[in-house]
């Protein structure tokens, strides 16, 4: 029997085949790994039109209805993690495509959130750059964490971890989301804010950890940014569309807030001329939140399991 063609997209680090044992599938699959970002839909179709199985990494390559309609051979689509807003699950079902997820860990993005908070608070990027380039020895005053207020928007798995670290630093932690209950806040030993506005106006650091949806898209816009303290910092490691990007650029240039950090962007990879690249007091990272060895091992080992189960006629971790 002919082997099935399987493409692994957006393997930027070139680790898809070394972080999992693919040998159980050797007789069934013709594997094709793509390390570069393909970009537009035509390029994606040209690369994978002959594939029955495609593996994608988060939202790096979206799979809307228009793309799925152009891939008549596709039968199995696997995404890292158990949620991917860039895949049209209804369209996939119409085209007979099974969509499966993989295990994922909440610790890496929570840890990266603190890398951004600490980097902003202690001006790590400009001070480290000055040290390397022979610039001035100490030119900034760091922001304290102890005794300051951390506002956590969303107290799910990741937000709760961020809140616990904040408490360990001696911060006062306040949380809010549209579904957050007093019981849940009390269980994490954090204060429940009356509203988003209440949280924003009182916090020295604000970190976003809610899912992107109709109710949260554009959650932080100009009015919300203007509510924040001039000495406050905003950090977003969740989804770019939670924040009005144009308003954020204005806030940084005009000094509405002290600074911002982000690991997610409205366009990825971020274009060379994107205004956030040159915005003052902005610390950006290229969507590294989930990019750790343990997570990748879970993703690709889970991928092998998903494919084996699909070939056996008993798909697992089916989304939709």
C-alpha atoms as a PDB file:
ATOM      1  CA  UNK A   1       0.000   0.000   0.000  1.00  0.00           C
ATOM      2  CA  UNK A   2       1.293   3.471  -0.890  1.00  0.00           C
ATOM      3  CA  UNK A   3       2.486   5.626   1.951  1.00  0.00           C
ATOM      4  CA  UNK A   4       0.466   8.642   3.028  1.00  0.00           C
ATOM      5  CA  UNK A   5       2.060  12.013   2.456  1.00  0.00           C
ATOM      6  CA  UNK A   6       2.470  13.957   5.737  1.00  0.00           C
ATOM      7  CA  UNK A   7       3.737  17.533   6.009  1.00  0.00           C
ATOM      8  CA  UNK A   8       4.976  19.151   9.210  1.00  0.00           C
ATOM      9  CA  UNK A   9       4.718  22.928   8.764  1.00  0.00           C
ATOM     10  CA  UNK A  10       6.617  25.776  10.400  1.00  0.00           C
ATOM     11  CA  UNK A  11       9.252  23.710  12.165  1.00  0.00           C
ATOM     12  CA  UNK A  12      11.359  26.842  12.661  1.00  0.00           C
ATOM     13  CA  UNK A  13      13.862  25.168  14.998  1.00  0.00           C
ATOM     14  CA  UNK A  14      14.161  21.982  12.939  1.00  0.00           C
ATOM     15  CA  UNK A  15      13.291  19.723  15.885  1.00  0.00           C
ATOM     16  CA  UNK A  16      10.068  17.983  14.822  1.00  0.00           C
ATOM     17  CA  UNK A  17      11.833  14.735  13.966  1.00  0.00           C
ATOM     18  CA  UNK A  18      14.206  14.717  16.960  1.00  0.00           C
ATOM     19  CA  UNK A  19      11.782  15.481  19.796  1.00  0.00           C
ATOM     20  CA  UNK A  20       9.661  12.385  19.139  1.00  0.00           C
ATOM     21  CA  UNK A  21      10.087   8.821  17.945  1.00  0.00           C
ATOM     22  CA  UNK A  22       8.458   8.659  14.513  1.00  0.00           C
ATOM     23  CA  UNK A  23       9.685   5.114  13.772  1.00  0.00           C
ATOM     24  CA  UNK A  24       6.305   3.436  14.489  1.00  0.00           C
ATOM     25  CA  UNK A  25       4.939   5.346  11.477  1.00  0.00           C
ATOM     26  CA  UNK A  26       7.861   4.685   9.126  1.00  0.00           C
ATOM     27  CA  UNK A  27       5.977   2.153   6.999  1.00  0.00           C
ATOM     28  CA  UNK A  28       2.872   4.327   6.732  1.00  0.00           C
ATOM     29  CA  UNK A  29       4.135   7.862   6.140  1.00  0.00           C
ATOM     30  CA  UNK A  30       6.201   9.817   3.686  1.00  0.00           C
ATOM     31  CA  UNK A  31       7.277  12.692   5.961  1.00  0.00           C
ATOM     32  CA  UNK A  32       7.963  16.182   4.643  1.00  0.00           C
ATOM     33  CA  UNK A  33       9.158  18.877   7.059  1.00  0.00           C
ATOM     34  CA  UNK A  34       8.907  22.572   6.191  1.00  0.00           C
ATOM     35  CA  UNK A  35      11.070  24.884   8.303  1.00  0.00           C
ATOM     36  CA  UNK A  36      10.368  28.194   6.575  1.00  0.00           C
ATOM     37  CA  UNK A  37       7.277  30.365   6.969  1.00  0.00           C
ATOM     38  CA  UNK A  38       5.165  29.870   3.839  1.00  0.00           C
ATOM     39  CA  UNK A  39       3.093  33.022   4.151  1.00  0.00           C
ATOM     40  CA  UNK A  40       0.228  33.306   1.698  1.00  0.00           C
ATOM     41  CA  UNK A  41      -2.375  30.669   0.941  1.00  0.00           C
ATOM     42  CA  UNK A  42      -1.103  29.969  -2.576  1.00  0.00           C
ATOM     43  CA  UNK A  43       2.306  29.039  -1.184  1.00  0.00           C
ATOM     44  CA  UNK A  44       0.726  26.727   1.393  1.00  0.00           C
ATOM     45  CA  UNK A  45      -1.339  24.960  -1.269  1.00  0.00           C
ATOM     46  CA  UNK A  46       1.706  24.544  -3.512  1.00  0.00           C
ATOM     47  CA  UNK A  47       3.608  22.953  -0.625  1.00  0.00           C
ATOM     48  CA  UNK A  48       0.991  20.536   0.757  1.00  0.00           C
ATOM     49  CA  UNK A  49      -1.615  19.920  -1.967  1.00  0.00           C
ATOM     50  CA  UNK A  50      -0.526  16.273  -2.198  1.00  0.00           C
ATOM     51  CA  UNK A  51      -0.738  15.614   1.555  1.00  0.00           C
ATOM     52  CA  UNK A  52      -3.311  13.537   3.391  1.00  0.00           C
ATOM     53  CA  UNK A  53      -1.934  14.551   6.795  1.00  0.00           C
ATOM     54  CA  UNK A  54      -0.705  17.974   7.901  1.00  0.00           C
ATOM     55  CA  UNK A  55       0.813  18.950  11.245  1.00  0.00           C
ATOM     56  CA  UNK A  56       0.743  22.621  12.253  1.00  0.00           C
ATOM     57  CA  UNK A  57       2.303  24.561  15.114  1.00  0.00           C
ATOM     58  CA  UNK A  58      -0.232  26.762  16.893  1.00  0.00           C
ATOM     59  CA  UNK A  59      -1.486  29.590  14.666  1.00  0.00           C
ATOM     60  CA  UNK A  60       1.686  29.997  12.593  1.00  0.00           C
ATOM     61  CA  UNK A  61      -0.195  28.878   9.471  1.00  0.00           C
ATOM     62  CA  UNK A  62      -3.976  29.474   9.669  1.00  0.00           C
ATOM     63  CA  UNK A  63      -6.381  26.963   8.143  1.00  0.00           C
ATOM     64  CA  UNK A  64      -9.520  28.955   7.223  1.00  0.00           C
ATOM     65  CA  UNK A  65     -12.352  27.592   5.070  1.00  0.00           C
ATOM     66  CA  UNK A  66     -10.772  29.011   1.911  1.00  0.00           C
ATOM     67  CA  UNK A  67      -7.587  26.982   2.399  1.00  0.00           C
ATOM     68  CA  UNK A  68      -9.347  23.778   3.428  1.00  0.00           C
ATOM     69  CA  UNK A  69     -11.431  23.943   0.234  1.00  0.00           C
ATOM     70  CA  UNK A  70      -8.213  23.846  -1.795  1.00  0.00           C
ATOM     71  CA  UNK A  71      -6.834  20.708  -0.123  1.00  0.00           C
ATOM     72  CA  UNK A  72      -9.089  17.868  -1.339  1.00  0.00           C
ATOM     73  CA  UNK A  73      -6.616  15.156  -0.312  1.00  0.00           C
ATOM     74  CA  UNK A  74      -6.334  16.325   3.297  1.00  0.00           C
ATOM     75  CA  UNK A  75      -7.835  13.892   5.819  1.00  0.00           C
ATOM     76  CA  UNK A  76      -6.077  14.638   9.121  1.00  0.00           C
ATOM     77  CA  UNK A  77      -4.978  18.008  10.513  1.00  0.00           C
ATOM     78  CA  UNK A  78      -3.051  18.035  13.795  1.00  0.00           C
ATOM     79  CA  UNK A  79      -2.391  21.175  15.803  1.00  0.00           C
ATOM     80  CA  UNK A  80      -0.119  21.576  18.795  1.00  0.00           C
ATOM     81  CA  UNK A  81      -2.190  22.063  21.921  1.00  0.00           C
ATOM     82  CA  UNK A  82      -5.903  21.487  22.347  1.00  0.00           C
ATOM     83  CA  UNK A  83      -7.113  24.816  20.973  1.00  0.00           C
ATOM     84  CA  UNK A  84      -6.408  26.660  17.725  1.00  0.00           C
ATOM     85  CA  UNK A  85      -8.559  29.637  16.795  1.00  0.00           C
ATOM     86  CA  UNK A  86      -6.976  29.827  13.327  1.00  0.00           C
ATOM     87  CA  UNK A  87      -8.505  26.506  12.216  1.00  0.00           C
ATOM     88  CA  UNK A  88     -12.069  26.602  10.875  1.00  0.00           C
ATOM     89  CA  UNK A  89     -13.387  23.449  12.536  1.00  0.00           C
ATOM     90  CA  UNK A  90     -16.794  23.647  10.856  1.00  0.00           C
ATOM     91  CA  UNK A  91     -15.210  23.874   7.404  1.00  0.00           C
ATOM     92  CA  UNK A  92     -12.879  21.010   8.262  1.00  0.00           C
ATOM     93  CA  UNK A  93     -15.850  18.839   9.186  1.00  0.00           C
ATOM     94  CA  UNK A  94     -17.620  19.728   5.934  1.00  0.00           C
ATOM     95  CA  UNK A  95     -14.570  18.630   3.957  1.00  0.00           C
ATOM     96  CA  UNK A  96     -14.195  15.401   5.907  1.00  0.00           C
ATOM     97  CA  UNK A  97     -11.026  16.506   7.702  1.00  0.00           C
ATOM     98  CA  UNK A  98     -10.444  15.233  11.231  1.00  0.00           C
ATOM     99  CA  UNK A  99      -8.741  17.820  13.456  1.00  0.00           C
ATOM    100  CA  UNK A 100      -6.791  16.603  16.478  1.00  0.00           C
ATOM    101  CA  UNK A 101      -4.801  18.317  19.203  1.00  0.00           C
ATOM    102  CA  UNK A 102      -1.853  17.353  21.365  1.00  0.00           C
ATOM    103  CA  UNK A 103      -0.838  17.700  25.024  1.00  0.00           C
ATOM    104  CA  UNK A 104       0.387  21.117  26.121  1.00  0.00           C
ATOM    105  CA  UNK A 105       1.831  22.567  29.334  1.00  0.00           C
ATOM    106  CA  UNK A 106       0.810  25.826  31.001  1.00  0.00           C
ATOM    107  CA  UNK A 107       4.128  26.423  32.766  1.00  0.00           C
ATOM    108  CA  UNK A 108       6.217  27.753  29.814  1.00  0.00           C
ATOM    109  CA  UNK A 109       3.997  30.745  28.913  1.00  0.00           C
ATOM    110  CA  UNK A 110       3.633  31.647  32.595  1.00  0.00           C
ATOM    111  CA  UNK A 111       7.399  31.589  32.974  1.00  0.00           C
ATOM    112  CA  UNK A 112       7.879  33.754  29.892  1.00  0.00           C
ATOM    113  CA  UNK A 113       5.365  36.254  31.245  1.00  0.00           C
ATOM    114  CA  UNK A 114       7.706  36.829  34.155  1.00  0.00           C
ATOM    115  CA  UNK A 115      10.679  37.166  31.830  1.00  0.00           C
ATOM    116  CA  UNK A 116       8.853  40.098  30.224  1.00  0.00           C
ATOM    117  CA  UNK A 117       7.709  41.622  33.523  1.00  0.00           C
ATOM    118  CA  UNK A 118      11.204  41.463  35.012  1.00  0.00           C
ATOM    119  CA  UNK A 119      12.797  42.610  31.767  1.00  0.00           C
ATOM    120  CA  UNK A 120      10.594  45.693  31.731  1.00  0.00           C
ATOM    121  CA  UNK A 121      10.824  46.435  35.434  1.00  0.00           C
ATOM    122  CA  UNK A 122      14.618  46.310  35.514  1.00  0.00           C
ATOM    123  CA  UNK A 123      15.250  47.673  31.984  1.00  0.00           C
ATOM    124  CA  UNK A 124      17.189  44.537  31.074  1.00  0.00           C
ATOM    125  CA  UNK A 125      17.277  45.181  27.326  1.00  0.00           C
ATOM    126  CA  UNK A 126      18.651  48.753  27.341  1.00  0.00           C
ATOM    127  CA  UNK A 127      21.022  48.146  30.252  1.00  0.00           C
ATOM    128  CA  UNK A 128      22.309  44.873  28.766  1.00  0.00           C
ATOM    129  CA  UNK A 129      22.710  46.526  25.371  1.00  0.00           C
ATOM    130  CA  UNK A 130      24.681  49.396  26.918  1.00  0.00           C
ATOM    131  CA  UNK A 131      26.966  46.920  28.669  1.00  0.00           C
ATOM    132  CA  UNK A 132      27.701  45.081  25.416  1.00  0.00           C
ATOM    133  CA  UNK A 133      28.131  48.263  23.361  1.00  0.00           C
ATOM    134  CA  UNK A 134      30.284  50.229  25.778  1.00  0.00           C
ATOM    135  CA  UNK A 135      27.483  52.591  26.760  1.00  0.00           C
ATOM    136  CA  UNK A 136      26.890  54.257  30.116  1.00  0.00           C
ATOM    137  CA  UNK A 137      27.261  52.176  33.278  1.00  0.00           C
ATOM    138  CA  UNK A 138      23.754  52.294  34.846  1.00  0.00           C
ATOM    139  CA  UNK A 139      21.330  54.775  33.325  1.00  0.00           C
ATOM    140  CA  UNK A 140      17.912  53.672  34.580  1.00  0.00           C
ATOM    141  CA  UNK A 141      15.996  53.203  37.818  1.00  0.00           C
ATOM    142  CA  UNK A 142      14.228  49.880  38.090  1.00  0.00           C
ATOM    143  CA  UNK A 143      10.620  49.451  39.155  1.00  0.00           C
ATOM    144  CA  UNK A 144      10.091  47.467  42.343  1.00  0.00           C
ATOM    145  CA  UNK A 145       7.847  44.421  42.405  1.00  0.00           C
ATOM    146  CA  UNK A 146       7.621  44.001  46.174  1.00  0.00           C
ATOM    147  CA  UNK A 147       4.667  45.901  47.535  1.00  0.00           C
ATOM    148  CA  UNK A 148       3.362  46.820  44.084  1.00  0.00           C
ATOM    149  CA  UNK A 149       0.089  45.658  42.582  1.00  0.00           C
ATOM    150  CA  UNK A 150      -0.146  43.016  39.851  1.00  0.00           C
ATOM    151  CA  UNK A 151      -3.381  42.936  37.874  1.00  0.00           C
ATOM    152  CA  UNK A 152      -4.063  39.570  36.249  1.00  0.00           C
ATOM    153  CA  UNK A 153      -6.747  39.561  33.556  1.00  0.00           C
ATOM    154  CA  UNK A 154      -7.875  35.942  33.390  1.00  0.00           C
ATOM    155  CA  UNK A 155      -7.258  33.463  36.193  1.00  0.00           C
ATOM    156  CA  UNK A 156      -7.134  30.192  34.286  1.00  0.00           C
ATOM    157  CA  UNK A 157      -4.211  27.770  34.307  1.00  0.00           C
ATOM    158  CA  UNK A 158      -1.652  30.311  33.082  1.00  0.00           C
ATOM    159  CA  UNK A 159      -3.047  33.359  34.851  1.00  0.00           C
ATOM    160  CA  UNK A 160      -3.173  31.506  38.156  1.00  0.00           C
ATOM    161  CA  UNK A 161       0.493  30.531  37.825  1.00  0.00           C
ATOM    162  CA  UNK A 162       1.420  34.131  37.104  1.00  0.00           C
ATOM    163  CA  UNK A 163      -0.562  35.256  40.142  1.00  0.00           C
ATOM    164  CA  UNK A 164       1.219  32.775  42.428  1.00  0.00           C
ATOM    165  CA  UNK A 165       4.631  34.047  41.337  1.00  0.00           C
ATOM    166  CA  UNK A 166       3.459  37.594  41.930  1.00  0.00           C
ATOM    167  CA  UNK A 167       2.517  36.704  45.487  1.00  0.00           C
ATOM    168  CA  UNK A 168       5.937  35.075  45.943  1.00  0.00           C
ATOM    169  CA  UNK A 169       7.526  38.408  44.981  1.00  0.00           C
ATOM    170  CA  UNK A 170       5.471  40.086  47.698  1.00  0.00           C
ATOM    171  CA  UNK A 171       3.080  41.778  45.288  1.00  0.00           C
ATOM    172  CA  UNK A 172      -0.561  42.526  45.951  1.00  0.00           C
ATOM    173  CA  UNK A 173      -2.445  40.573  43.277  1.00  0.00           C
ATOM    174  CA  UNK A 174      -5.816  41.538  41.823  1.00  0.00           C
ATOM    175  CA  UNK A 175      -7.639  39.532  39.172  1.00  0.00           C
ATOM    176  CA  UNK A 176     -10.588  40.035  36.861  1.00  0.00           C
ATOM    177  CA  UNK A 177     -12.277  38.384  33.931  1.00  0.00           C
ATOM    178  CA  UNK A 178     -15.820  38.284  32.659  1.00  0.00           C
ATOM    179  CA  UNK A 179     -16.364  34.839  34.180  1.00  0.00           C
ATOM    180  CA  UNK A 180     -14.186  35.039  37.280  1.00  0.00           C
ATOM    181  CA  UNK A 181     -16.015  34.233  40.510  1.00  0.00           C
ATOM    182  CA  UNK A 182     -15.251  35.314  44.047  1.00  0.00           C
ATOM    183  CA  UNK A 183     -14.752  31.675  44.978  1.00  0.00           C
ATOM    184  CA  UNK A 184     -12.131  31.151  42.278  1.00  0.00           C
ATOM    185  CA  UNK A 185     -10.275  34.340  43.265  1.00  0.00           C
ATOM    186  CA  UNK A 186     -10.328  33.340  46.925  1.00  0.00           C
ATOM    187  CA  UNK A 187      -8.980  29.879  46.065  1.00  0.00           C
ATOM    188  CA  UNK A 188      -5.920  31.575  44.519  1.00  0.00           C
ATOM    189  CA  UNK A 189      -5.676  34.058  47.394  1.00  0.00           C
ATOM    190  CA  UNK A 190      -6.089  37.092  45.140  1.00  0.00           C
ATOM    191  CA  UNK A 191      -8.403  40.065  45.277  1.00  0.00           C
ATOM    192  CA  UNK A 192     -11.317  40.089  42.844  1.00  0.00           C
ATOM    193  CA  UNK A 193     -11.590  43.418  41.018  1.00  0.00           C
ATOM    194  CA  UNK A 194     -15.065  44.886  40.564  1.00  0.00           C
ATOM    195  CA  UNK A 195     -14.379  45.547  36.881  1.00  0.00           C
ATOM    196  CA  UNK A 196     -11.624  45.680  34.299  1.00  0.00           C
ATOM    197  CA  UNK A 197     -11.515  49.443  34.757  1.00  0.00           C
ATOM    198  CA  UNK A 198     -11.022  48.964  38.495  1.00  0.00           C
ATOM    199  CA  UNK A 199      -8.115  46.609  37.900  1.00  0.00           C
ATOM    200  CA  UNK A 200      -6.431  48.798  35.289  1.00  0.00           C
ATOM    201  CA  UNK A 201      -6.617  51.992  37.311  1.00  0.00           C
ATOM    202  CA  UNK A 202      -5.014  50.431  40.398  1.00  0.00           C
ATOM    203  CA  UNK A 203      -2.350  48.105  38.991  1.00  0.00           C
ATOM    204  CA  UNK A 204       1.358  48.752  38.520  1.00  0.00           C
ATOM    205  CA  UNK A 205       1.701  45.730  36.230  1.00  0.00           C
ATOM    206  CA  UNK A 206      -1.119  44.259  34.123  1.00  0.00           C
ATOM    207  CA  UNK A 207      -0.802  40.827  32.537  1.00  0.00           C
ATOM    208  CA  UNK A 208      -3.342  39.387  30.066  1.00  0.00           C
ATOM    209  CA  UNK A 209      -4.341  35.708  30.184  1.00  0.00           C
ATOM    210  CA  UNK A 210      -7.823  35.407  28.692  1.00  0.00           C
ATOM    211  CA  UNK A 211      -8.893  33.487  25.612  1.00  0.00           C
ATOM    212  CA  UNK A 212      -9.571  35.422  22.431  1.00  0.00           C
ATOM    213  CA  UNK A 213     -13.257  35.578  21.501  1.00  0.00           C
ATOM    214  CA  UNK A 214     -15.990  37.988  20.534  1.00  0.00           C
ATOM    215  CA  UNK A 215     -16.156  39.375  24.073  1.00  0.00           C
ATOM    216  CA  UNK A 216     -12.411  39.822  24.513  1.00  0.00           C
ATOM    217  CA  UNK A 217     -11.268  41.013  21.090  1.00  0.00           C
ATOM    218  CA  UNK A 218     -10.016  44.583  21.560  1.00  0.00           C
ATOM    219  CA  UNK A 219     -10.416  44.267  25.322  1.00  0.00           C
ATOM    220  CA  UNK A 220      -7.615  46.787  25.849  1.00  0.00           C
ATOM    221  CA  UNK A 221      -8.096  49.851  23.664  1.00  0.00           C
ATOM    222  CA  UNK A 222      -7.386  53.559  24.023  1.00  0.00           C
ATOM    223  CA  UNK A 223      -9.869  54.144  26.884  1.00  0.00           C
ATOM    224  CA  UNK A 224      -8.426  51.242  28.876  1.00  0.00           C
ATOM    225  CA  UNK A 225      -4.810  52.261  28.252  1.00  0.00           C
ATOM    226  CA  UNK A 226      -5.571  55.799  29.387  1.00  0.00           C
ATOM    227  CA  UNK A 227      -7.027  54.385  32.615  1.00  0.00           C
ATOM    228  CA  UNK A 228      -3.692  52.813  33.500  1.00  0.00           C
ATOM    229  CA  UNK A 229      -1.148  54.635  35.626  1.00  0.00           C
ATOM    230  CA  UNK A 230       1.625  56.470  33.803  1.00  0.00           C
ATOM    231  CA  UNK A 231       4.121  54.339  35.676  1.00  0.00           C
ATOM    232  CA  UNK A 232       2.354  51.053  34.885  1.00  0.00           C
ATOM    233  CA  UNK A 233       3.363  48.272  32.508  1.00  0.00           C
ATOM    234  CA  UNK A 234       1.181  46.089  30.261  1.00  0.00           C
ATOM    235  CA  UNK A 235       2.233  42.551  29.328  1.00  0.00           C
ATOM    236  CA  UNK A 236       0.470  40.362  26.771  1.00  0.00           C
ATOM    237  CA  UNK A 237       1.490  36.737  26.260  1.00  0.00           C
ATOM    238  CA  UNK A 238      -2.013  35.574  25.321  1.00  0.00           C
ATOM    239  CA  UNK A 239      -3.319  36.820  21.955  1.00  0.00           C
ATOM    240  CA  UNK A 240      -2.420  40.010  20.086  1.00  0.00           C
ATOM    241  CA  UNK A 241      -6.037  40.868  19.231  1.00  0.00           C
ATOM    242  CA  UNK A 242      -6.833  41.388  22.914  1.00  0.00           C
ATOM    243  CA  UNK A 243      -5.053  44.733  22.557  1.00  0.00           C
ATOM    244  CA  UNK A 244      -5.663  47.488  20.008  1.00  0.00           C
ATOM    245  CA  UNK A 245      -2.179  47.564  18.470  1.00  0.00           C
ATOM    246  CA  UNK A 246      -2.492  51.121  17.125  1.00  0.00           C
ATOM    247  CA  UNK A 247      -3.623  52.393  20.520  1.00  0.00           C
ATOM    248  CA  UNK A 248      -0.718  50.601  22.190  1.00  0.00           C
ATOM    249  CA  UNK A 249       1.798  52.239  19.848  1.00  0.00           C
ATOM    250  CA  UNK A 250       0.295  55.650  20.658  1.00  0.00           C
ATOM    251  CA  UNK A 251       0.355  54.896  24.383  1.00  0.00           C
ATOM    252  CA  UNK A 252       4.058  54.101  24.231  1.00  0.00           C
ATOM    253  CA  UNK A 253       5.003  57.093  22.108  1.00  0.00           C
ATOM    254  CA  UNK A 254       2.914  59.539  24.145  1.00  0.00           C
ATOM    255  CA  UNK A 255       3.762  58.096  27.547  1.00  0.00           C
ATOM    256  CA  UNK A 256       0.310  57.038  28.715  1.00  0.00           C
ATOM    257  CA  UNK A 257       2.028  54.050  30.356  1.00  0.00           C
ATOM    258  CA  UNK A 258       5.622  53.311  31.363  1.00  0.00           C
ATOM    259  CA  UNK A 259       6.074  50.428  28.970  1.00  0.00           C
ATOM    260  CA  UNK A 260       4.726  47.223  27.492  1.00  0.00           C
ATOM    261  CA  UNK A 261       5.872  43.720  26.711  1.00  0.00           C
ATOM    262  CA  UNK A 262       4.404  41.259  24.241  1.00  0.00           C
ATOM    263  CA  UNK A 263       5.071  37.814  22.875  1.00  0.00           C
ATOM    264  CA  UNK A 264       2.147  37.875  20.415  1.00  0.00           C
ATOM    265  CA  UNK A 265       1.472  40.145  17.443  1.00  0.00           C
ATOM    266  CA  UNK A 266      -1.216  40.942  14.905  1.00  0.00           C
ATOM    267  CA  UNK A 267       1.156  39.741  12.150  1.00  0.00           C
ATOM    268  CA  UNK A 268       3.596  36.897  12.652  1.00  0.00           C
ATOM    269  CA  UNK A 269       6.425  36.841  11.795  1.00  0.00           C
ATOM    270  CA  UNK A 270       6.426  40.544  12.630  1.00  0.00           C
ATOM    271  CA  UNK A 271       7.117  42.665   9.513  1.00  0.00           C
ATOM    272  CA  UNK A 272      10.369  44.599   9.540  1.00  0.00           C
ATOM    273  CA  UNK A 273       8.509  47.915   9.397  1.00  0.00           C
ATOM    274  CA  UNK A 274       5.951  47.127  12.095  1.00  0.00           C
ATOM    275  CA  UNK A 275       5.661  50.177  14.417  1.00  0.00           C
ATOM    276  CA  UNK A 276       6.043  48.118  17.577  1.00  0.00           C
ATOM    277  CA  UNK A 277       9.613  47.273  16.581  1.00  0.00           C
ATOM    278  CA  UNK A 278      10.649  50.872  17.217  1.00  0.00           C
ATOM    279  CA  UNK A 279       8.145  51.885  19.903  1.00  0.00           C
ATOM    280  CA  UNK A 280       9.798  53.291  23.051  1.00  0.00           C
ATOM    281  CA  UNK A 281       9.839  51.195  26.210  1.00  0.00           C
ATOM    282  CA  UNK A 282       8.596  48.115  24.380  1.00  0.00           C
ATOM    283  CA  UNK A 283      10.006  44.657  25.015  1.00  0.00           C
ATOM    284  CA  UNK A 284       8.945  42.151  22.353  1.00  0.00           C
ATOM    285  CA  UNK A 285       9.709  38.478  21.844  1.00  0.00           C
ATOM    286  CA  UNK A 286       8.945  36.327  18.756  1.00  0.00           C
ATOM    287  CA  UNK A 287       6.110  34.241  20.249  1.00  0.00           C
ATOM    288  CA  UNK A 288       8.307  32.103  22.488  1.00  0.00           C
ATOM    289  CA  UNK A 289       5.721  31.429  25.183  1.00  0.00           C
ATOM    290  CA  UNK A 290       5.197  27.769  24.356  1.00  0.00           C
ATOM    291  CA  UNK A 291       8.605  27.162  22.741  1.00  0.00           C
ATOM    292  CA  UNK A 292      10.392  24.881  25.200  1.00  0.00           C
ATOM    293  CA  UNK A 293      11.856  21.418  24.805  1.00  0.00           C
ATOM    294  CA  UNK A 294       9.330  19.755  27.116  1.00  0.00           C
ATOM    295  CA  UNK A 295       6.417  21.324  25.277  1.00  0.00           C
ATOM    296  CA  UNK A 296       7.788  20.369  21.873  1.00  0.00           C
ATOM    297  CA  UNK A 297       8.360  16.813  23.034  1.00  0.00           C
ATOM    298  CA  UNK A 298       4.746  16.694  24.149  1.00  0.00           C
ATOM    299  CA  UNK A 299       3.521  18.203  20.875  1.00  0.00           C
ATOM    300  CA  UNK A 300       5.334  15.865  18.549  1.00  0.00           C
ATOM    301  CA  UNK A 301       5.019  12.723  20.650  1.00  0.00           C
ATOM    302  CA  UNK A 302       1.317  13.524  20.795  1.00  0.00           C
ATOM    303  CA  UNK A 303       1.343  13.993  17.022  1.00  0.00           C
ATOM    304  CA  UNK A 304       2.744  10.495  16.512  1.00  0.00           C
ATOM    305  CA  UNK A 305       0.035   9.117  18.812  1.00  0.00           C
ATOM    306  CA  UNK A 306      -2.671  11.061  16.957  1.00  0.00           C
ATOM    307  CA  UNK A 307      -1.564   9.749  13.573  1.00  0.00           C
ATOM    308  CA  UNK A 308      -1.302   6.157  14.799  1.00  0.00           C
ATOM    309  CA  UNK A 309      -4.798   6.337  16.320  1.00  0.00           C
ATOM    310  CA  UNK A 310      -6.219   7.869  13.135  1.00  0.00           C
ATOM    311  CA  UNK A 311      -4.669   5.146  10.981  1.00  0.00           C
ATOM    312  CA  UNK A 312      -6.167   2.558  13.345  1.00  0.00           C
ATOM    313  CA  UNK A 313      -9.611   4.095  12.777  1.00  0.00           C
ATOM    314  CA  UNK A 314      -9.931   5.430  16.325  1.00  0.00           C
ATOM    315  CA  UNK A 315      -8.918   9.128  16.344  1.00  0.00           C
ATOM    316  CA  UNK A 316      -7.987  10.678  19.693  1.00  0.00           C
ATOM    317  CA  UNK A 317      -7.979  14.259  20.978  1.00  0.00           C
ATOM    318  CA  UNK A 318     -10.475  15.259  18.294  1.00  0.00           C
ATOM    319  CA  UNK A 319     -11.332  18.982  18.286  1.00  0.00           C
ATOM    320  CA  UNK A 320     -14.656  20.452  17.314  1.00  0.00           C
END
